């Protein structure tokens, strides 16, 4: 693993908490895709339904 990856790994926990809070606020369903792009697509789709 590269040395530049370690700061990102430390912040992964915080990022996952933020994603979880946004999913709960938007009431979107859990998807198997864990990428940022897939999450943002699901978030946009949920907000367009509201």
Protein backbone atom coordinates (compact mmCIF):
# COMPACT_ATOMS: atom_id res chain seq x y z
CA UNK A 1 0.00 0.00 0.00
CA UNK A 2 1.26 3.45 -0.84
CA UNK A 3 2.09 5.97 1.87
CA UNK A 4 -0.38 8.42 0.33
CA UNK A 5 -3.26 6.01 0.98
CA UNK A 6 -2.97 6.10 4.78
CA UNK A 7 -4.61 9.54 5.34
CA UNK A 8 -7.56 8.44 3.19
CA UNK A 9 -7.98 5.25 5.20
CA UNK A 10 -8.07 7.23 8.43
CA UNK A 11 -10.91 9.36 7.12
CA UNK A 12 -12.89 6.43 5.68
CA UNK A 13 -14.83 5.99 8.93
CA UNK A 14 -15.98 9.62 8.89
CA UNK A 15 -16.93 9.41 5.22
CA UNK A 16 -19.02 6.29 5.81
CA UNK A 17 -20.84 7.99 8.72
CA UNK A 18 -21.69 10.99 6.51
CA UNK A 19 -22.93 8.71 3.73
CA UNK A 20 -25.07 6.79 6.23
CA UNK A 21 -26.61 10.00 7.59
CA UNK A 22 -27.40 11.22 4.07
CA UNK A 23 -28.98 7.88 3.20
CA UNK A 24 -31.17 8.02 6.31
CA UNK A 25 -32.24 11.61 5.64
CA UNK A 26 -33.07 10.86 2.01
CA UNK A 27 -34.66 7.50 2.88
CA UNK A 28 -32.94 5.70 0.03
CA UNK A 29 -32.55 1.96 -0.04
CA UNK A 30 -29.26 0.21 0.53
CA UNK A 31 -27.49 -0.70 -2.66
CA UNK A 32 -24.64 -3.14 -3.08
CA UNK A 33 -22.51 -0.52 -4.82
CA UNK A 34 -20.22 1.15 -2.34
CA UNK A 35 -18.60 3.63 -4.69
CA UNK A 36 -19.01 7.38 -4.39
CA UNK A 37 -20.48 7.68 -7.87
CA UNK A 38 -23.14 5.06 -7.21
CA UNK A 39 -24.03 6.66 -3.90
CA UNK A 40 -24.42 10.09 -5.49
CA UNK A 41 -26.57 8.63 -8.26
CA UNK A 42 -28.86 6.97 -5.69
CA UNK A 43 -28.99 10.19 -3.68
CA UNK A 44 -30.01 12.24 -6.74
CA UNK A 45 -32.63 9.66 -7.68
CA UNK A 46 -34.10 9.73 -4.16
CA UNK A 47 -34.19 13.53 -4.02
CA UNK A 48 -36.03 13.71 -7.35
CA UNK A 49 -38.79 11.49 -5.93
CA UNK A 50 -39.31 13.75 -2.93
